[in-house]
Amino acid sequence: MKERNFLDSVMEFEQQLESMHQQFRELMGFVAEMTEKNHSLQLENHHLRKRLDKIDEQEKETSDRQRPEKKQNTVDVGEGVDNLARLYNEGFHVCNIHYGGIRKGEDCLFCLSFLNKQNA
């Protein structure tokens, strides 16, 4: 009788180990997927930063050529609003509720309301 209980316990333990091993494999798959996604996003972020730096350089060059008498430290009042509108069009939230979050292709009434107030 005791030997039977011991064998049952060993078999139950083996099933638990198999279940834990399966959970571990699923977790490792998830970690691998998240690591790939993270790497992809870092690469995309790096490319976007390089692109933004290049655009900033071009804008600075054209600005310097067009307005040499204007001081370098002055900033256009509408420039910030233009940047926010550009960010919104690139798919990011600019409202105070979800600022910086990805819009996933959907329009945000808070963002649109904010941009309309700034343009008015």
Protein backbone atom coordinates (compact mmCIF):
# COMPACT_ATOMS: atom_id res chain seq x y z
CA MET A 1 0.00 0.00 0.00
CA LYS A 2 2.75 2.43 0.89
CA GLU A 3 4.65 1.55 -2.28
CA ARG A 4 1.57 2.37 -4.37
CA ASN A 5 1.18 5.79 -2.70
CA PHE A 6 4.86 6.49 -3.29
CA LEU A 7 4.57 5.62 -6.99
CA ASP A 8 1.46 7.75 -7.30
CA SER A 9 3.31 10.65 -5.68
CA VAL A 10 6.27 10.23 -8.04
CA MET A 11 3.96 10.15 -11.07
CA GLU A 12 2.09 13.22 -9.85
CA PHE A 13 5.41 15.00 -9.29
CA GLU A 14 6.51 14.06 -12.82
CA GLN A 15 3.29 15.52 -14.26
CA GLN A 16 3.85 18.72 -12.31
CA LEU A 17 7.41 18.94 -13.63
CA GLU A 18 6.19 18.47 -17.20
CA SER A 19 3.57 21.15 -16.68
CA MET A 20 6.15 23.54 -15.24
CA HIS A 21 8.52 22.74 -18.11
CA GLN A 22 5.77 23.60 -20.61
CA GLN A 23 5.06 26.87 -18.79
CA PHE A 24 8.79 27.63 -18.80
CA ARG A 25 9.00 27.02 -22.57
CA GLU A 26 6.03 29.33 -23.14
CA LEU A 27 7.61 31.99 -20.94
CA MET A 28 10.93 31.70 -22.79
CA GLY A 29 9.08 32.08 -26.10
CA PHE A 30 7.36 35.20 -24.80
CA VAL A 31 10.67 36.64 -23.55
CA ALA A 32 12.28 35.96 -26.93
CA GLU A 33 9.36 37.65 -28.73
CA MET A 34 9.51 40.69 -26.43
CA THR A 35 13.28 40.92 -26.84
CA GLU A 36 12.93 40.90 -30.63
CA LYS A 37 10.20 43.53 -30.46
CA ASN A 38 12.31 45.67 -28.14
CA HIS A 39 15.30 45.43 -30.47
CA SER A 40 13.12 46.30 -33.45
CA LEU A 41 11.72 49.35 -31.65
CA GLN A 42 15.18 50.49 -30.61
CA LEU A 43 16.35 50.22 -34.21
CA GLU A 44 13.32 52.12 -35.46
CA ASN A 45 13.86 54.78 -32.79
CA HIS A 46 17.50 55.15 -33.82
CA HIS A 47 16.55 55.56 -37.50
CA LEU A 48 13.85 58.08 -36.65
CA ARG A 49 16.27 60.10 -34.52
CA LYS A 50 18.81 60.16 -37.37
CA ARG A 51 16.08 61.23 -39.78
CA LEU A 52 14.88 63.94 -37.39
CA ASP A 53 18.43 65.22 -36.92
CA LYS A 54 18.87 65.40 -40.68
CA ILE A 55 15.60 67.30 -41.08
CA ASP A 56 16.56 69.67 -38.26
CA GLU A 57 19.90 70.35 -39.96
CA GLN A 58 18.18 71.07 -43.27
CA GLU A 59 15.65 73.39 -41.62
CA LYS A 60 18.42 75.20 -39.77
CA GLU A 61 20.39 75.67 -42.99
CA THR A 62 17.39 77.04 -44.88
CA SER A 63 16.44 79.22 -41.92
CA ASP A 64 19.96 80.64 -41.69
CA ARG A 65 19.99 81.43 -45.41
CA GLN A 66 16.53 83.02 -45.45
CA ARG A 67 16.79 85.17 -42.32
CA PRO A 68 20.37 86.09 -41.56
CA GLU A 69 19.35 89.25 -39.64
CA LYS A 70 17.09 87.32 -37.23
CA LYS A 71 18.61 86.18 -33.92
CA GLN A 72 19.23 82.45 -33.46
CA ASN A 73 17.61 82.36 -29.98
CA THR A 74 14.12 83.47 -31.05
CA VAL A 75 11.50 80.77 -31.52
CA ASP A 76 8.37 80.91 -33.64
CA VAL A 77 5.24 80.78 -31.48
CA GLY A 78 3.57 78.36 -33.90
CA GLU A 79 6.60 76.11 -34.17
CA GLY A 80 5.65 74.08 -31.07
CA VAL A 81 2.10 73.62 -32.31
CA ASP A 82 3.44 72.55 -35.70
CA ASN A 83 5.66 69.98 -34.01
CA LEU A 84 2.73 68.64 -31.99
CA ALA A 85 0.59 68.43 -35.13
CA ARG A 86 3.41 66.56 -36.89
CA LEU A 87 3.68 64.13 -33.96
CA TYR A 88 -0.08 63.59 -34.04
CA ASN A 89 0.06 62.87 -37.78
CA GLU A 90 2.88 60.38 -37.18
CA GLY A 91 0.56 58.43 -34.85
CA PHE A 92 1.29 59.74 -31.35
CA HIS A 93 -0.99 61.32 -28.77
CA VAL A 94 -0.39 65.01 -27.99
CA CYS A 95 -3.20 65.45 -25.46
CA ASN A 96 -2.45 65.73 -21.75
CA ILE A 97 -4.27 62.47 -21.04
CA HIS A 98 -2.30 60.07 -23.27
CA TYR A 99 0.70 62.24 -24.23
CA GLY A 100 3.35 60.31 -26.14
CA GLY A 101 1.30 57.12 -26.44
CA ILE A 102 0.77 55.44 -29.78
CA ARG A 103 -2.65 56.15 -31.31
CA LYS A 104 -2.88 52.88 -33.28
CA GLY A 105 -4.47 54.64 -36.26
CA GLU A 106 -7.48 55.93 -34.35
CA ASP A 107 -8.30 59.63 -34.00
CA CYS A 108 -8.27 61.01 -30.46
CA LEU A 109 -10.88 63.63 -29.63
CA PHE A 110 -8.71 65.05 -26.83
CA CYS A 111 -5.77 65.54 -29.20
CA LEU A 112 -7.95 67.04 -31.93
CA SER A 113 -9.60 69.39 -29.43
CA PHE A 114 -6.17 70.46 -28.13
CA LEU A 115 -4.81 71.09 -31.62
CA ASN A 116 -7.91 73.03 -32.65
CA LYS A 117 -7.58 75.27 -29.56
CA GLN A 118 -3.94 75.95 -30.38
CA ASN A 119 -4.70 76.85 -34.01
CA ALA A 120 -7.60 79.14 -33.16
